[in-house]
Amino acid sequence: MTTVPLLCAREIPVTGSMPLCIRV
């Protein structure tokens, strides 16, 4: 995916949410 614009951000830290998680 070399020509696709990509952005990384932090998920908000909600109490009890799934740890060690990557979302897209």
PDBML (XML) file of the C-alpha atoms, coordinates in Angstrom:
<?xml version="1.0" encoding="UTF-8" ?>
<PDBx:datablock datablockName="MODEL"
   xmlns:PDBx="http://pdbml.pdb.org/schema/pdbx-v50.xsd"
   xmlns:xsi="http://www.w3.org/2001/XMLSchema-instance"
   xsi:schemaLocation="http://pdbml.pdb.org/schema/pdbx-v50.xsd pdbx-v50.xsd">
   <PDBx:atom_siteCategory>
      <PDBx:atom_site id="1">
         <PDBx:B_iso_or_equiv>0.00</PDBx:B_iso_or_equiv>
         <PDBx:Cartn_x>0.000</PDBx:Cartn_x>
         <PDBx:Cartn_y>0.000</PDBx:Cartn_y>
         <PDBx:Cartn_z>0.000</PDBx:Cartn_z>
         <PDBx:auth_asym_id>A</PDBx:auth_asym_id>
         <PDBx:auth_atom_id>CA</PDBx:auth_atom_id>
         <PDBx:auth_comp_id>MET</PDBx:auth_comp_id>
         <PDBx:auth_seq_id>1</PDBx:auth_seq_id>
         <PDBx:group_PDB>ATOM</PDBx:group_PDB>
         <PDBx:label_alt_id xsi:nil="true" />
         <PDBx:label_asym_id>A</PDBx:label_asym_id>
         <PDBx:label_atom_id>CA</PDBx:label_atom_id>
         <PDBx:label_comp_id>MET</PDBx:label_comp_id>
         <PDBx:label_entity_id>1</PDBx:label_entity_id>
         <PDBx:label_seq_id>1</PDBx:label_seq_id>
         <PDBx:occupancy>1.00</PDBx:occupancy>
         <PDBx:pdbx_PDB_model_num>1</PDBx:pdbx_PDB_model_num>
         <PDBx:type_symbol>C</PDBx:type_symbol>
      </PDBx:atom_site>
      <PDBx:atom_site id="2">
         <PDBx:B_iso_or_equiv>0.00</PDBx:B_iso_or_equiv>
         <PDBx:Cartn_x>2.685</PDBx:Cartn_x>
         <PDBx:Cartn_y>2.444</PDBx:Cartn_y>
         <PDBx:Cartn_z>-1.089</PDBx:Cartn_z>
         <PDBx:auth_asym_id>A</PDBx:auth_asym_id>
         <PDBx:auth_atom_id>CA</PDBx:auth_atom_id>
         <PDBx:auth_comp_id>THR</PDBx:auth_comp_id>
         <PDBx:auth_seq_id>2</PDBx:auth_seq_id>
         <PDBx:group_PDB>ATOM</PDBx:group_PDB>
         <PDBx:label_alt_id xsi:nil="true" />
         <PDBx:label_asym_id>A</PDBx:label_asym_id>
         <PDBx:label_atom_id>CA</PDBx:label_atom_id>
         <PDBx:label_comp_id>THR</PDBx:label_comp_id>
         <PDBx:label_entity_id>1</PDBx:label_entity_id>
         <PDBx:label_seq_id>2</PDBx:label_seq_id>
         <PDBx:occupancy>1.00</PDBx:occupancy>
         <PDBx:pdbx_PDB_model_num>1</PDBx:pdbx_PDB_model_num>
         <PDBx:type_symbol>C</PDBx:type_symbol>
      </PDBx:atom_site>
      <PDBx:atom_site id="3">
         <PDBx:B_iso_or_equiv>0.00</PDBx:B_iso_or_equiv>
         <PDBx:Cartn_x>0.458</PDBx:Cartn_x>
         <PDBx:Cartn_y>5.101</PDBx:Cartn_y>
         <PDBx:Cartn_z>-2.694</PDBx:Cartn_z>
         <PDBx:auth_asym_id>A</PDBx:auth_asym_id>
         <PDBx:auth_atom_id>CA</PDBx:auth_atom_id>
         <PDBx:auth_comp_id>THR</PDBx:auth_comp_id>
         <PDBx:auth_seq_id>3</PDBx:auth_seq_id>
         <PDBx:group_PDB>ATOM</PDBx:group_PDB>
         <PDBx:label_alt_id xsi:nil="true" />
         <PDBx:label_asym_id>A</PDBx:label_asym_id>
         <PDBx:label_atom_id>CA</PDBx:label_atom_id>
         <PDBx:label_comp_id>THR</PDBx:label_comp_id>
         <PDBx:label_entity_id>1</PDBx:label_entity_id>
         <PDBx:label_seq_id>3</PDBx:label_seq_id>
         <PDBx:occupancy>1.00</PDBx:occupancy>
         <PDBx:pdbx_PDB_model_num>1</PDBx:pdbx_PDB_model_num>
         <PDBx:type_symbol>C</PDBx:type_symbol>
      </PDBx:atom_site>
      <PDBx:atom_site id="4">
         <PDBx:B_iso_or_equiv>0.00</PDBx:B_iso_or_equiv>
         <PDBx:Cartn_x>-2.421</PDBx:Cartn_x>
         <PDBx:Cartn_y>4.979</PDBx:Cartn_y>
         <PDBx:Cartn_z>-0.189</PDBx:Cartn_z>
         <PDBx:auth_asym_id>A</PDBx:auth_asym_id>
         <PDBx:auth_atom_id>CA</PDBx:auth_atom_id>
         <PDBx:auth_comp_id>VAL</PDBx:auth_comp_id>
         <PDBx:auth_seq_id>4</PDBx:auth_seq_id>
         <PDBx:group_PDB>ATOM</PDBx:group_PDB>
         <PDBx:label_alt_id xsi:nil="true" />
         <PDBx:label_asym_id>A</PDBx:label_asym_id>
         <PDBx:label_atom_id>CA</PDBx:label_atom_id>
         <PDBx:label_comp_id>VAL</PDBx:label_comp_id>
         <PDBx:label_entity_id>1</PDBx:label_entity_id>
         <PDBx:label_seq_id>4</PDBx:label_seq_id>
         <PDBx:occupancy>1.00</PDBx:occupancy>
         <PDBx:pdbx_PDB_model_num>1</PDBx:pdbx_PDB_model_num>
         <PDBx:type_symbol>C</PDBx:type_symbol>
      </PDBx:atom_site>
      <PDBx:atom_site id="5">
         <PDBx:B_iso_or_equiv>0.00</PDBx:B_iso_or_equiv>
         <PDBx:Cartn_x>-2.512</PDBx:Cartn_x>
         <PDBx:Cartn_y>7.838</PDBx:Cartn_y>
         <PDBx:Cartn_z>2.339</PDBx:Cartn_z>
         <PDBx:auth_asym_id>A</PDBx:auth_asym_id>
         <PDBx:auth_atom_id>CA</PDBx:auth_atom_id>
         <PDBx:auth_comp_id>PRO</PDBx:auth_comp_id>
         <PDBx:auth_seq_id>5</PDBx:auth_seq_id>
         <PDBx:group_PDB>ATOM</PDBx:group_PDB>
         <PDBx:label_alt_id xsi:nil="true" />
         <PDBx:label_asym_id>A</PDBx:label_asym_id>
         <PDBx:label_atom_id>CA</PDBx:label_atom_id>
         <PDBx:label_comp_id>PRO</PDBx:label_comp_id>
         <PDBx:label_entity_id>1</PDBx:label_entity_id>
         <PDBx:label_seq_id>5</PDBx:label_seq_id>
         <PDBx:occupancy>1.00</PDBx:occupancy>
         <PDBx:pdbx_PDB_model_num>1</PDBx:pdbx_PDB_model_num>
         <PDBx:type_symbol>C</PDBx:type_symbol>
      </PDBx:atom_site>
      <PDBx:atom_site id="6">
         <PDBx:B_iso_or_equiv>0.00</PDBx:B_iso_or_equiv>
         <PDBx:Cartn_x>-2.165</PDBx:Cartn_x>
         <PDBx:Cartn_y>6.292</PDBx:Cartn_y>
         <PDBx:Cartn_z>5.805</PDBx:Cartn_z>
         <PDBx:auth_asym_id>A</PDBx:auth_asym_id>
         <PDBx:auth_atom_id>CA</PDBx:auth_atom_id>
         <PDBx:auth_comp_id>LEU</PDBx:auth_comp_id>
         <PDBx:auth_seq_id>6</PDBx:auth_seq_id>
         <PDBx:group_PDB>ATOM</PDBx:group_PDB>
         <PDBx:label_alt_id xsi:nil="true" />
         <PDBx:label_asym_id>A</PDBx:label_asym_id>
         <PDBx:label_atom_id>CA</PDBx:label_atom_id>
         <PDBx:label_comp_id>LEU</PDBx:label_comp_id>
         <PDBx:label_entity_id>1</PDBx:label_entity_id>
         <PDBx:label_seq_id>6</PDBx:label_seq_id>
         <PDBx:occupancy>1.00</PDBx:occupancy>
         <PDBx:pdbx_PDB_model_num>1</PDBx:pdbx_PDB_model_num>
         <PDBx:type_symbol>C</PDBx:type_symbol>
      </PDBx:atom_site>
      <PDBx:atom_site id="7">
         <PDBx:B_iso_or_equiv>0.00</PDBx:B_iso_or_equiv>
         <PDBx:Cartn_x>-2.675</PDBx:Cartn_x>
         <PDBx:Cartn_y>7.806</PDBx:Cartn_y>
         <PDBx:Cartn_z>9.249</PDBx:Cartn_z>
         <PDBx:auth_asym_id>A</PDBx:auth_asym_id>
         <PDBx:auth_atom_id>CA</PDBx:auth_atom_id>
         <PDBx:auth_comp_id>LEU</PDBx:auth_comp_id>
         <PDBx:auth_seq_id>7</PDBx:auth_seq_id>
         <PDBx:group_PDB>ATOM</PDBx:group_PDB>
         <PDBx:label_alt_id xsi:nil="true" />
         <PDBx:label_asym_id>A</PDBx:label_asym_id>
         <PDBx:label_atom_id>CA</PDBx:label_atom_id>
         <PDBx:label_comp_id>LEU</PDBx:label_comp_id>
         <PDBx:label_entity_id>1</PDBx:label_entity_id>
         <PDBx:label_seq_id>7</PDBx:label_seq_id>
         <PDBx:occupancy>1.00</PDBx:occupancy>
         <PDBx:pdbx_PDB_model_num>1</PDBx:pdbx_PDB_model_num>
         <PDBx:type_symbol>C</PDBx:type_symbol>
      </PDBx:atom_site>
      <PDBx:atom_site id="8">
         <PDBx:B_iso_or_equiv>0.00</PDBx:B_iso_or_equiv>
         <PDBx:Cartn_x>-1.982</PDBx:Cartn_x>
         <PDBx:Cartn_y>6.389</PDBx:Cartn_y>
         <PDBx:Cartn_z>12.705</PDBx:Cartn_z>
         <PDBx:auth_asym_id>A</PDBx:auth_asym_id>
         <PDBx:auth_atom_id>CA</PDBx:auth_atom_id>
         <PDBx:auth_comp_id>CYS</PDBx:auth_comp_id>
         <PDBx:auth_seq_id>8</PDBx:auth_seq_id>
         <PDBx:group_PDB>ATOM</PDBx:group_PDB>
         <PDBx:label_alt_id xsi:nil="true" />
         <PDBx:label_asym_id>A</PDBx:label_asym_id>
         <PDBx:label_atom_id>CA</PDBx:label_atom_id>
         <PDBx:label_comp_id>CYS</PDBx:label_comp_id>
         <PDBx:label_entity_id>1</PDBx:label_entity_id>
         <PDBx:label_seq_id>8</PDBx:label_seq_id>
         <PDBx:occupancy>1.00</PDBx:occupancy>
         <PDBx:pdbx_PDB_model_num>1</PDBx:pdbx_PDB_model_num>
         <PDBx:type_symbol>C</PDBx:type_symbol>
      </PDBx:atom_site>
      <PDBx:atom_site id="9">
         <PDBx:B_iso_or_equiv>0.00</PDBx:B_iso_or_equiv>
         <PDBx:Cartn_x>-3.581</PDBx:Cartn_x>
         <PDBx:Cartn_y>7.678</PDBx:Cartn_y>
         <PDBx:Cartn_z>15.909</PDBx:Cartn_z>
         <PDBx:auth_asym_id>A</PDBx:auth_asym_id>
         <PDBx:auth_atom_id>CA</PDBx:auth_atom_id>
         <PDBx:auth_comp_id>ALA</PDBx:auth_comp_id>
         <PDBx:auth_seq_id>9</PDBx:auth_seq_id>
         <PDBx:group_PDB>ATOM</PDBx:group_PDB>
         <PDBx:label_alt_id xsi:nil="true" />
         <PDBx:label_asym_id>A</PDBx:label_asym_id>
         <PDBx:label_atom_id>CA</PDBx:label_atom_id>
         <PDBx:label_comp_id>ALA</PDBx:label_comp_id>
         <PDBx:label_entity_id>1</PDBx:label_entity_id>
         <PDBx:label_seq_id>9</PDBx:label_seq_id>
         <PDBx:occupancy>1.00</PDBx:occupancy>
         <PDBx:pdbx_PDB_model_num>1</PDBx:pdbx_PDB_model_num>
         <PDBx:type_symbol>C</PDBx:type_symbol>
      </PDBx:atom_site>
      <PDBx:atom_site id="10">
         <PDBx:B_iso_or_equiv>0.00</PDBx:B_iso_or_equiv>
         <PDBx:Cartn_x>-4.244</PDBx:Cartn_x>
         <PDBx:Cartn_y>6.606</PDBx:Cartn_y>
         <PDBx:Cartn_z>19.472</PDBx:Cartn_z>
         <PDBx:auth_asym_id>A</PDBx:auth_asym_id>
         <PDBx:auth_atom_id>CA</PDBx:auth_atom_id>
         <PDBx:auth_comp_id>ARG</PDBx:auth_comp_id>
         <PDBx:auth_seq_id>10</PDBx:auth_seq_id>
         <PDBx:group_PDB>ATOM</PDBx:group_PDB>
         <PDBx:label_alt_id xsi:nil="true" />
         <PDBx:label_asym_id>A</PDBx:label_asym_id>
         <PDBx:label_atom_id>CA</PDBx:label_atom_id>
         <PDBx:label_comp_id>ARG</PDBx:label_comp_id>
         <PDBx:label_entity_id>1</PDBx:label_entity_id>
         <PDBx:label_seq_id>10</PDBx:label_seq_id>
         <PDBx:occupancy>1.00</PDBx:occupancy>
         <PDBx:pdbx_PDB_model_num>1</PDBx:pdbx_PDB_model_num>
         <PDBx:type_symbol>C</PDBx:type_symbol>
      </PDBx:atom_site>
      <PDBx:atom_site id="11">
         <PDBx:B_iso_or_equiv>0.00</PDBx:B_iso_or_equiv>
         <PDBx:Cartn_x>-7.517</PDBx:Cartn_x>
         <PDBx:Cartn_y>5.086</PDBx:Cartn_y>
         <PDBx:Cartn_z>20.533</PDBx:Cartn_z>
         <PDBx:auth_asym_id>A</PDBx:auth_asym_id>
         <PDBx:auth_atom_id>CA</PDBx:auth_atom_id>
         <PDBx:auth_comp_id>GLU</PDBx:auth_comp_id>
         <PDBx:auth_seq_id>11</PDBx:auth_seq_id>
         <PDBx:group_PDB>ATOM</PDBx:group_PDB>
         <PDBx:label_alt_id xsi:nil="true" />
         <PDBx:label_asym_id>A</PDBx:label_asym_id>
         <PDBx:label_atom_id>CA</PDBx:label_atom_id>
         <PDBx:label_comp_id>GLU</PDBx:label_comp_id>
         <PDBx:label_entity_id>1</PDBx:label_entity_id>
         <PDBx:label_seq_id>11</PDBx:label_seq_id>
         <PDBx:occupancy>1.00</PDBx:occupancy>
         <PDBx:pdbx_PDB_model_num>1</PDBx:pdbx_PDB_model_num>
         <PDBx:type_symbol>C</PDBx:type_symbol>
      </PDBx:atom_site>
      <PDBx:atom_site id="12">
         <PDBx:B_iso_or_equiv>0.00</PDBx:B_iso_or_equiv>
         <PDBx:Cartn_x>-9.169</PDBx:Cartn_x>
         <PDBx:Cartn_y>6.839</PDBx:Cartn_y>
         <PDBx:Cartn_z>23.482</PDBx:Cartn_z>
         <PDBx:auth_asym_id>A</PDBx:auth_asym_id>
         <PDBx:auth_atom_id>CA</PDBx:auth_atom_id>
         <PDBx:auth_comp_id>ILE</PDBx:auth_comp_id>
         <PDBx:auth_seq_id>12</PDBx:auth_seq_id>
         <PDBx:group_PDB>ATOM</PDBx:group_PDB>
         <PDBx:label_alt_id xsi:nil="true" />
         <PDBx:label_asym_id>A</PDBx:label_asym_id>
         <PDBx:label_atom_id>CA</PDBx:label_atom_id>
         <PDBx:label_comp_id>ILE</PDBx:label_comp_id>
         <PDBx:label_entity_id>1</PDBx:label_entity_id>
         <PDBx:label_seq_id>12</PDBx:label_seq_id>
         <PDBx:occupancy>1.00</PDBx:occupancy>
         <PDBx:pdbx_PDB_model_num>1</PDBx:pdbx_PDB_model_num>
         <PDBx:type_symbol>C</PDBx:type_symbol>
      </PDBx:atom_site>
      <PDBx:atom_site id="13">
         <PDBx:B_iso_or_equiv>0.00</PDBx:B_iso_or_equiv>
         <PDBx:Cartn_x>-8.355</PDBx:Cartn_x>
         <PDBx:Cartn_y>4.972</PDBx:Cartn_y>
         <PDBx:Cartn_z>26.721</PDBx:Cartn_z>
         <PDBx:auth_asym_id>A</PDBx:auth_asym_id>
         <PDBx:auth_atom_id>CA</PDBx:auth_atom_id>
         <PDBx:auth_comp_id>PRO</PDBx:auth_comp_id>
         <PDBx:auth_seq_id>13</PDBx:auth_seq_id>
         <PDBx:group_PDB>ATOM</PDBx:group_PDB>
         <PDBx:label_alt_id xsi:nil="true" />
         <PDBx:label_asym_id>A</PDBx:label_asym_id>
         <PDBx:label_atom_id>CA</PDBx:label_atom_id>
         <PDBx:label_comp_id>PRO</PDBx:label_comp_id>
         <PDBx:label_entity_id>1</PDBx:label_entity_id>
         <PDBx:label_seq_id>13</PDBx:label_seq_id>
         <PDBx:occupancy>1.00</PDBx:occupancy>
         <PDBx:pdbx_PDB_model_num>1</PDBx:pdbx_PDB_model_num>
         <PDBx:type_symbol>C</PDBx:type_symbol>
      </PDBx:atom_site>
      <PDBx:atom_site id="14">
         <PDBx:B_iso_or_equiv>0.00</PDBx:B_iso_or_equiv>
         <PDBx:Cartn_x>-11.807</PDBx:Cartn_x>
         <PDBx:Cartn_y>3.748</PDBx:Cartn_y>
         <PDBx:Cartn_z>27.770</PDBx:Cartn_z>
         <PDBx:auth_asym_id>A</PDBx:auth_asym_id>
         <PDBx:auth_atom_id>CA</PDBx:auth_atom_id>
         <PDBx:auth_comp_id>VAL</PDBx:auth_comp_id>
         <PDBx:auth_seq_id>14</PDBx:auth_seq_id>
         <PDBx:group_PDB>ATOM</PDBx:group_PDB>
         <PDBx:label_alt_id xsi:nil="true" />
         <PDBx:label_asym_id>A</PDBx:label_asym_id>
         <PDBx:label_atom_id>CA</PDBx:label_atom_id>
         <PDBx:label_comp_id>VAL</PDBx:label_comp_id>
         <PDBx:label_entity_id>1</PDBx:label_entity_id>
         <PDBx:label_seq_id>14</PDBx:label_seq_id>
         <PDBx:occupancy>1.00</PDBx:occupancy>
         <PDBx:pdbx_PDB_model_num>1</PDBx:pdbx_PDB_model_num>
         <PDBx:type_symbol>C</PDBx:type_symbol>
      </PDBx:atom_site>
      <PDBx:atom_site id="15">
         <PDBx:B_iso_or_equiv>0.00</PDBx:B_iso_or_equiv>
         <PDBx:Cartn_x>-11.874</PDBx:Cartn_x>
         <PDBx:Cartn_y>1.807</PDBx:Cartn_y>
         <PDBx:Cartn_z>31.023</PDBx:Cartn_z>
         <PDBx:auth_asym_id>A</PDBx:auth_asym_id>
         <PDBx:auth_atom_id>CA</PDBx:auth_atom_id>
         <PDBx:auth_comp_id>THR</PDBx:auth_comp_id>
         <PDBx:auth_seq_id>15</PDBx:auth_seq_id>
         <PDBx:group_PDB>ATOM</PDBx:group_PDB>
         <PDBx:label_alt_id xsi:nil="true" />
         <PDBx:label_asym_id>A</PDBx:label_asym_id>
         <PDBx:label_atom_id>CA</PDBx:label_atom_id>
         <PDBx:label_comp_id>THR</PDBx:label_comp_id>
         <PDBx:label_entity_id>1</PDBx:label_entity_id>
         <PDBx:label_seq_id>15</PDBx:label_seq_id>
         <PDBx:occupancy>1.00</PDBx:occupancy>
         <PDBx:pdbx_PDB_model_num>1</PDBx:pdbx_PDB_model_num>
         <PDBx:type_symbol>C</PDBx:type_symbol>
      </PDBx:atom_site>
      <PDBx:atom_site id="16">
         <PDBx:B_iso_or_equiv>0.00</PDBx:B_iso_or_equiv>
         <PDBx:Cartn_x>-12.444</PDBx:Cartn_x>
         <PDBx:Cartn_y>-1.887</PDBx:Cartn_y>
         <PDBx:Cartn_z>30.364</PDBx:Cartn_z>
         <PDBx:auth_asym_id>A</PDBx:auth_asym_id>
         <PDBx:auth_atom_id>CA</PDBx:auth_atom_id>
         <PDBx:auth_comp_id>GLY</PDBx:auth_comp_id>
         <PDBx:auth_seq_id>16</PDBx:auth_seq_id>
         <PDBx:group_PDB>ATOM</PDBx:group_PDB>
         <PDBx:label_alt_id xsi:nil="true" />
         <PDBx:label_asym_id>A</PDBx:label_asym_id>
         <PDBx:label_atom_id>CA</PDBx:label_atom_id>
         <PDBx:label_comp_id>GLY</PDBx:label_comp_id>
         <PDBx:label_entity_id>1</PDBx:label_entity_id>
         <PDBx:label_seq_id>16</PDBx:label_seq_id>
         <PDBx:occupancy>1.00</PDBx:occupancy>
         <PDBx:pdbx_PDB_model_num>1</PDBx:pdbx_PDB_model_num>
         <PDBx:type_symbol>C</PDBx:type_symbol>
      </PDBx:atom_site>
      <PDBx:atom_site id="17">
         <PDBx:B_iso_or_equiv>0.00</PDBx:B_iso_or_equiv>
         <PDBx:Cartn_x>-11.775</PDBx:Cartn_x>
         <PDBx:Cartn_y>-1.711</PDBx:Cartn_y>
         <PDBx:Cartn_z>26.633</PDBx:Cartn_z>
         <PDBx:auth_asym_id>A</PDBx:auth_asym_id>
         <PDBx:auth_atom_id>CA</PDBx:auth_atom_id>
         <PDBx:auth_comp_id>SER</PDBx:auth_comp_id>
         <PDBx:auth_seq_id>17</PDBx:auth_seq_id>
         <PDBx:group_PDB>ATOM</PDBx:group_PDB>
         <PDBx:label_alt_id xsi:nil="true" />
         <PDBx:label_asym_id>A</PDBx:label_asym_id>
         <PDBx:label_atom_id>CA</PDBx:label_atom_id>
         <PDBx:label_comp_id>SER</PDBx:label_comp_id>
         <PDBx:label_entity_id>1</PDBx:label_entity_id>
         <PDBx:label_seq_id>17</PDBx:label_seq_id>
         <PDBx:occupancy>1.00</PDBx:occupancy>
         <PDBx:pdbx_PDB_model_num>1</PDBx:pdbx_PDB_model_num>
         <PDBx:type_symbol>C</PDBx:type_symbol>
      </PDBx:atom_site>
      <PDBx:atom_site id="18">
         <PDBx:B_iso_or_equiv>0.00</PDBx:B_iso_or_equiv>
         <PDBx:Cartn_x>-9.810</PDBx:Cartn_x>
         <PDBx:Cartn_y>-4.378</PDBx:Cartn_y>
         <PDBx:Cartn_z>24.773</PDBx:Cartn_z>
         <PDBx:auth_asym_id>A</PDBx:auth_asym_id>
         <PDBx:auth_atom_id>CA</PDBx:auth_atom_id>
         <PDBx:auth_comp_id>MET</PDBx:auth_comp_id>
         <PDBx:auth_seq_id>18</PDBx:auth_seq_id>
         <PDBx:group_PDB>ATOM</PDBx:group_PDB>
         <PDBx:label_alt_id xsi:nil="true" />
         <PDBx:label_asym_id>A</PDBx:label_asym_id>
         <PDBx:label_atom_id>CA</PDBx:label_atom_id>
         <PDBx:label_comp_id>MET</PDBx:label_comp_id>
         <PDBx:label_entity_id>1</PDBx:label_entity_id>
         <PDBx:label_seq_id>18</PDBx:label_seq_id>
         <PDBx:occupancy>1.00</PDBx:occupancy>
         <PDBx:pdbx_PDB_model_num>1</PDBx:pdbx_PDB_model_num>
         <PDBx:type_symbol>C</PDBx:type_symbol>
      </PDBx:atom_site>
      <PDBx:atom_site id="19">
         <PDBx:B_iso_or_equiv>0.00</PDBx:B_iso_or_equiv>
         <PDBx:Cartn_x>-6.067</PDBx:Cartn_x>
         <PDBx:Cartn_y>-4.043</PDBx:Cartn_y>
         <PDBx:Cartn_z>25.434</PDBx:Cartn_z>
         <PDBx:auth_asym_id>A</PDBx:auth_asym_id>
         <PDBx:auth_atom_id>CA</PDBx:auth_atom_id>
         <PDBx:auth_comp_id>PRO</PDBx:auth_comp_id>
         <PDBx:auth_seq_id>19</PDBx:auth_seq_id>
         <PDBx:group_PDB>ATOM</PDBx:group_PDB>
         <PDBx:label_alt_id xsi:nil="true" />
         <PDBx:label_asym_id>A</PDBx:label_asym_id>
         <PDBx:label_atom_id>CA</PDBx:label_atom_id>
         <PDBx:label_comp_id>PRO</PDBx:label_comp_id>
         <PDBx:label_entity_id>1</PDBx:label_entity_id>
         <PDBx:label_seq_id>19</PDBx:label_seq_id>
         <PDBx:occupancy>1.00</PDBx:occupancy>
         <PDBx:pdbx_PDB_model_num>1</PDBx:pdbx_PDB_model_num>
         <PDBx:type_symbol>C</PDBx:type_symbol>
      </PDBx:atom_site>
      <PDBx:atom_site id="20">
         <PDBx:B_iso_or_equiv>0.00</PDBx:B_iso_or_equiv>
         <PDBx:Cartn_x>-3.270</PDBx:Cartn_x>
         <PDBx:Cartn_y>-4.417</PDBx:Cartn_y>
         <PDBx:Cartn_z>22.854</PDBx:Cartn_z>
         <PDBx:auth_asym_id>A</PDBx:auth_asym_id>
         <PDBx:auth_atom_id>CA</PDBx:auth_atom_id>
         <PDBx:auth_comp_id>LEU</PDBx:auth_comp_id>
         <PDBx:auth_seq_id>20</PDBx:auth_seq_id>
         <PDBx:group_PDB>ATOM</PDBx:group_PDB>
         <PDBx:label_alt_id xsi:nil="true" />
         <PDBx:label_asym_id>A</PDBx:label_asym_id>
         <PDBx:label_atom_id>CA</PDBx:label_atom_id>
         <PDBx:label_comp_id>LEU</PDBx:label_comp_id>
         <PDBx:label_entity_id>1</PDBx:label_entity_id>
         <PDBx:label_seq_id>20</PDBx:label_seq_id>
         <PDBx:occupancy>1.00</PDBx:occupancy>
         <PDBx:pdbx_PDB_model_num>1</PDBx:pdbx_PDB_model_num>
         <PDBx:type_symbol>C</PDBx:type_symbol>
      </PDBx:atom_site>
      <PDBx:atom_site id="21">
         <PDBx:B_iso_or_equiv>0.00</PDBx:B_iso_or_equiv>
         <PDBx:Cartn_x>-5.692</PDBx:Cartn_x>
         <PDBx:Cartn_y>-3.603</PDBx:Cartn_y>
         <PDBx:Cartn_z>20.041</PDBx:Cartn_z>
         <PDBx:auth_asym_id>A</PDBx:auth_asym_id>
         <PDBx:auth_atom_id>CA</PDBx:auth_atom_id>
         <PDBx:auth_comp_id>CYS</PDBx:auth_comp_id>
         <PDBx:auth_seq_id>21</PDBx:auth_seq_id>
         <PDBx:group_PDB>ATOM</PDBx:group_PDB>
         <PDBx:label_alt_id xsi:nil="true" />
         <PDBx:label_asym_id>A</PDBx:label_asym_id>
         <PDBx:label_atom_id>CA</PDBx:label_atom_id>
         <PDBx:label_comp_id>CYS</PDBx:label_comp_id>
         <PDBx:label_entity_id>1</PDBx:label_entity_id>
         <PDBx:label_seq_id>21</PDBx:label_seq_id>
         <PDBx:occupancy>1.00</PDBx:occupancy>
         <PDBx:pdbx_PDB_model_num>1</PDBx:pdbx_PDB_model_num>
         <PDBx:type_symbol>C</PDBx:type_symbol>
      </PDBx:atom_site>
      <PDBx:atom_site id="22">
         <PDBx:B_iso_or_equiv>0.00</PDBx:B_iso_or_equiv>
         <PDBx:Cartn_x>-5.129</PDBx:Cartn_x>
         <PDBx:Cartn_y>-2.351</PDBx:Cartn_y>
         <PDBx:Cartn_z>16.502</PDBx:Cartn_z>
         <PDBx:auth_asym_id>A</PDBx:auth_asym_id>
         <PDBx:auth_atom_id>CA</PDBx:auth_atom_id>
         <PDBx:auth_comp_id>ILE</PDBx:auth_comp_id>
         <PDBx:auth_seq_id>22</PDBx:auth_seq_id>
         <PDBx:group_PDB>ATOM</PDBx:group_PDB>
         <PDBx:label_alt_id xsi:nil="true" />
         <PDBx:label_asym_id>A</PDBx:label_asym_id>
         <PDBx:label_atom_id>CA</PDBx:label_atom_id>
         <PDBx:label_comp_id>ILE</PDBx:label_comp_id>
         <PDBx:label_entity_id>1</PDBx:label_entity_id>
         <PDBx:label_seq_id>22</PDBx:label_seq_id>
         <PDBx:occupancy>1.00</PDBx:occupancy>
         <PDBx:pdbx_PDB_model_num>1</PDBx:pdbx_PDB_model_num>
         <PDBx:type_symbol>C</PDBx:type_symbol>
      </PDBx:atom_site>
      <PDBx:atom_site id="23">
         <PDBx:B_iso_or_equiv>0.00</PDBx:B_iso_or_equiv>
         <PDBx:Cartn_x>-8.080</PDBx:Cartn_x>
         <PDBx:Cartn_y>-0.901</PDBx:Cartn_y>
         <PDBx:Cartn_z>14.616</PDBx:Cartn_z>
         <PDBx:auth_asym_id>A</PDBx:auth_asym_id>
         <PDBx:auth_atom_id>CA</PDBx:auth_atom_id>
         <PDBx:auth_comp_id>ARG</PDBx:auth_comp_id>
         <PDBx:auth_seq_id>23</PDBx:auth_seq_id>
         <PDBx:group_PDB>ATOM</PDBx:group_PDB>
         <PDBx:label_alt_id xsi:nil="true" />
         <PDBx:label_asym_id>A</PDBx:label_asym_id>
         <PDBx:label_atom_id>CA</PDBx:label_atom_id>
         <PDBx:label_comp_id>ARG</PDBx:label_comp_id>
         <PDBx:label_entity_id>1</PDBx:label_entity_id>
         <PDBx:label_seq_id>23</PDBx:label_seq_id>
         <PDBx:occupancy>1.00</PDBx:occupancy>
         <PDBx:pdbx_PDB_model_num>1</PDBx:pdbx_PDB_model_num>
         <PDBx:type_symbol>C</PDBx:type_symbol>
      </PDBx:atom_site>
      <PDBx:atom_site id="24">
         <PDBx:B_iso_or_equiv>0.00</PDBx:B_iso_or_equiv>
         <PDBx:Cartn_x>-8.361</PDBx:Cartn_x>
         <PDBx:Cartn_y>0.238</PDBx:Cartn_y>
         <PDBx:Cartn_z>11.012</PDBx:Cartn_z>
         <PDBx:auth_asym_id>A</PDBx:auth_asym_id>
         <PDBx:auth_atom_id>CA</PDBx:auth_atom_id>
         <PDBx:auth_comp_id>VAL</PDBx:auth_comp_id>
         <PDBx:auth_seq_id>24</PDBx:auth_seq_id>
         <PDBx:group_PDB>ATOM</PDBx:group_PDB>
         <PDBx:label_alt_id xsi:nil="true" />
         <PDBx:label_asym_id>A</PDBx:label_asym_id>
         <PDBx:label_atom_id>CA</PDBx:label_atom_id>
         <PDBx:label_comp_id>VAL</PDBx:label_comp_id>
         <PDBx:label_entity_id>1</PDBx:label_entity_id>
         <PDBx:label_seq_id>24</PDBx:label_seq_id>
         <PDBx:occupancy>1.00</PDBx:occupancy>
         <PDBx:pdbx_PDB_model_num>1</PDBx:pdbx_PDB_model_num>
         <PDBx:type_symbol>C</PDBx:type_symbol>
      </PDBx:atom_site>
   </PDBx:atom_siteCategory>
</PDBx:datablock>
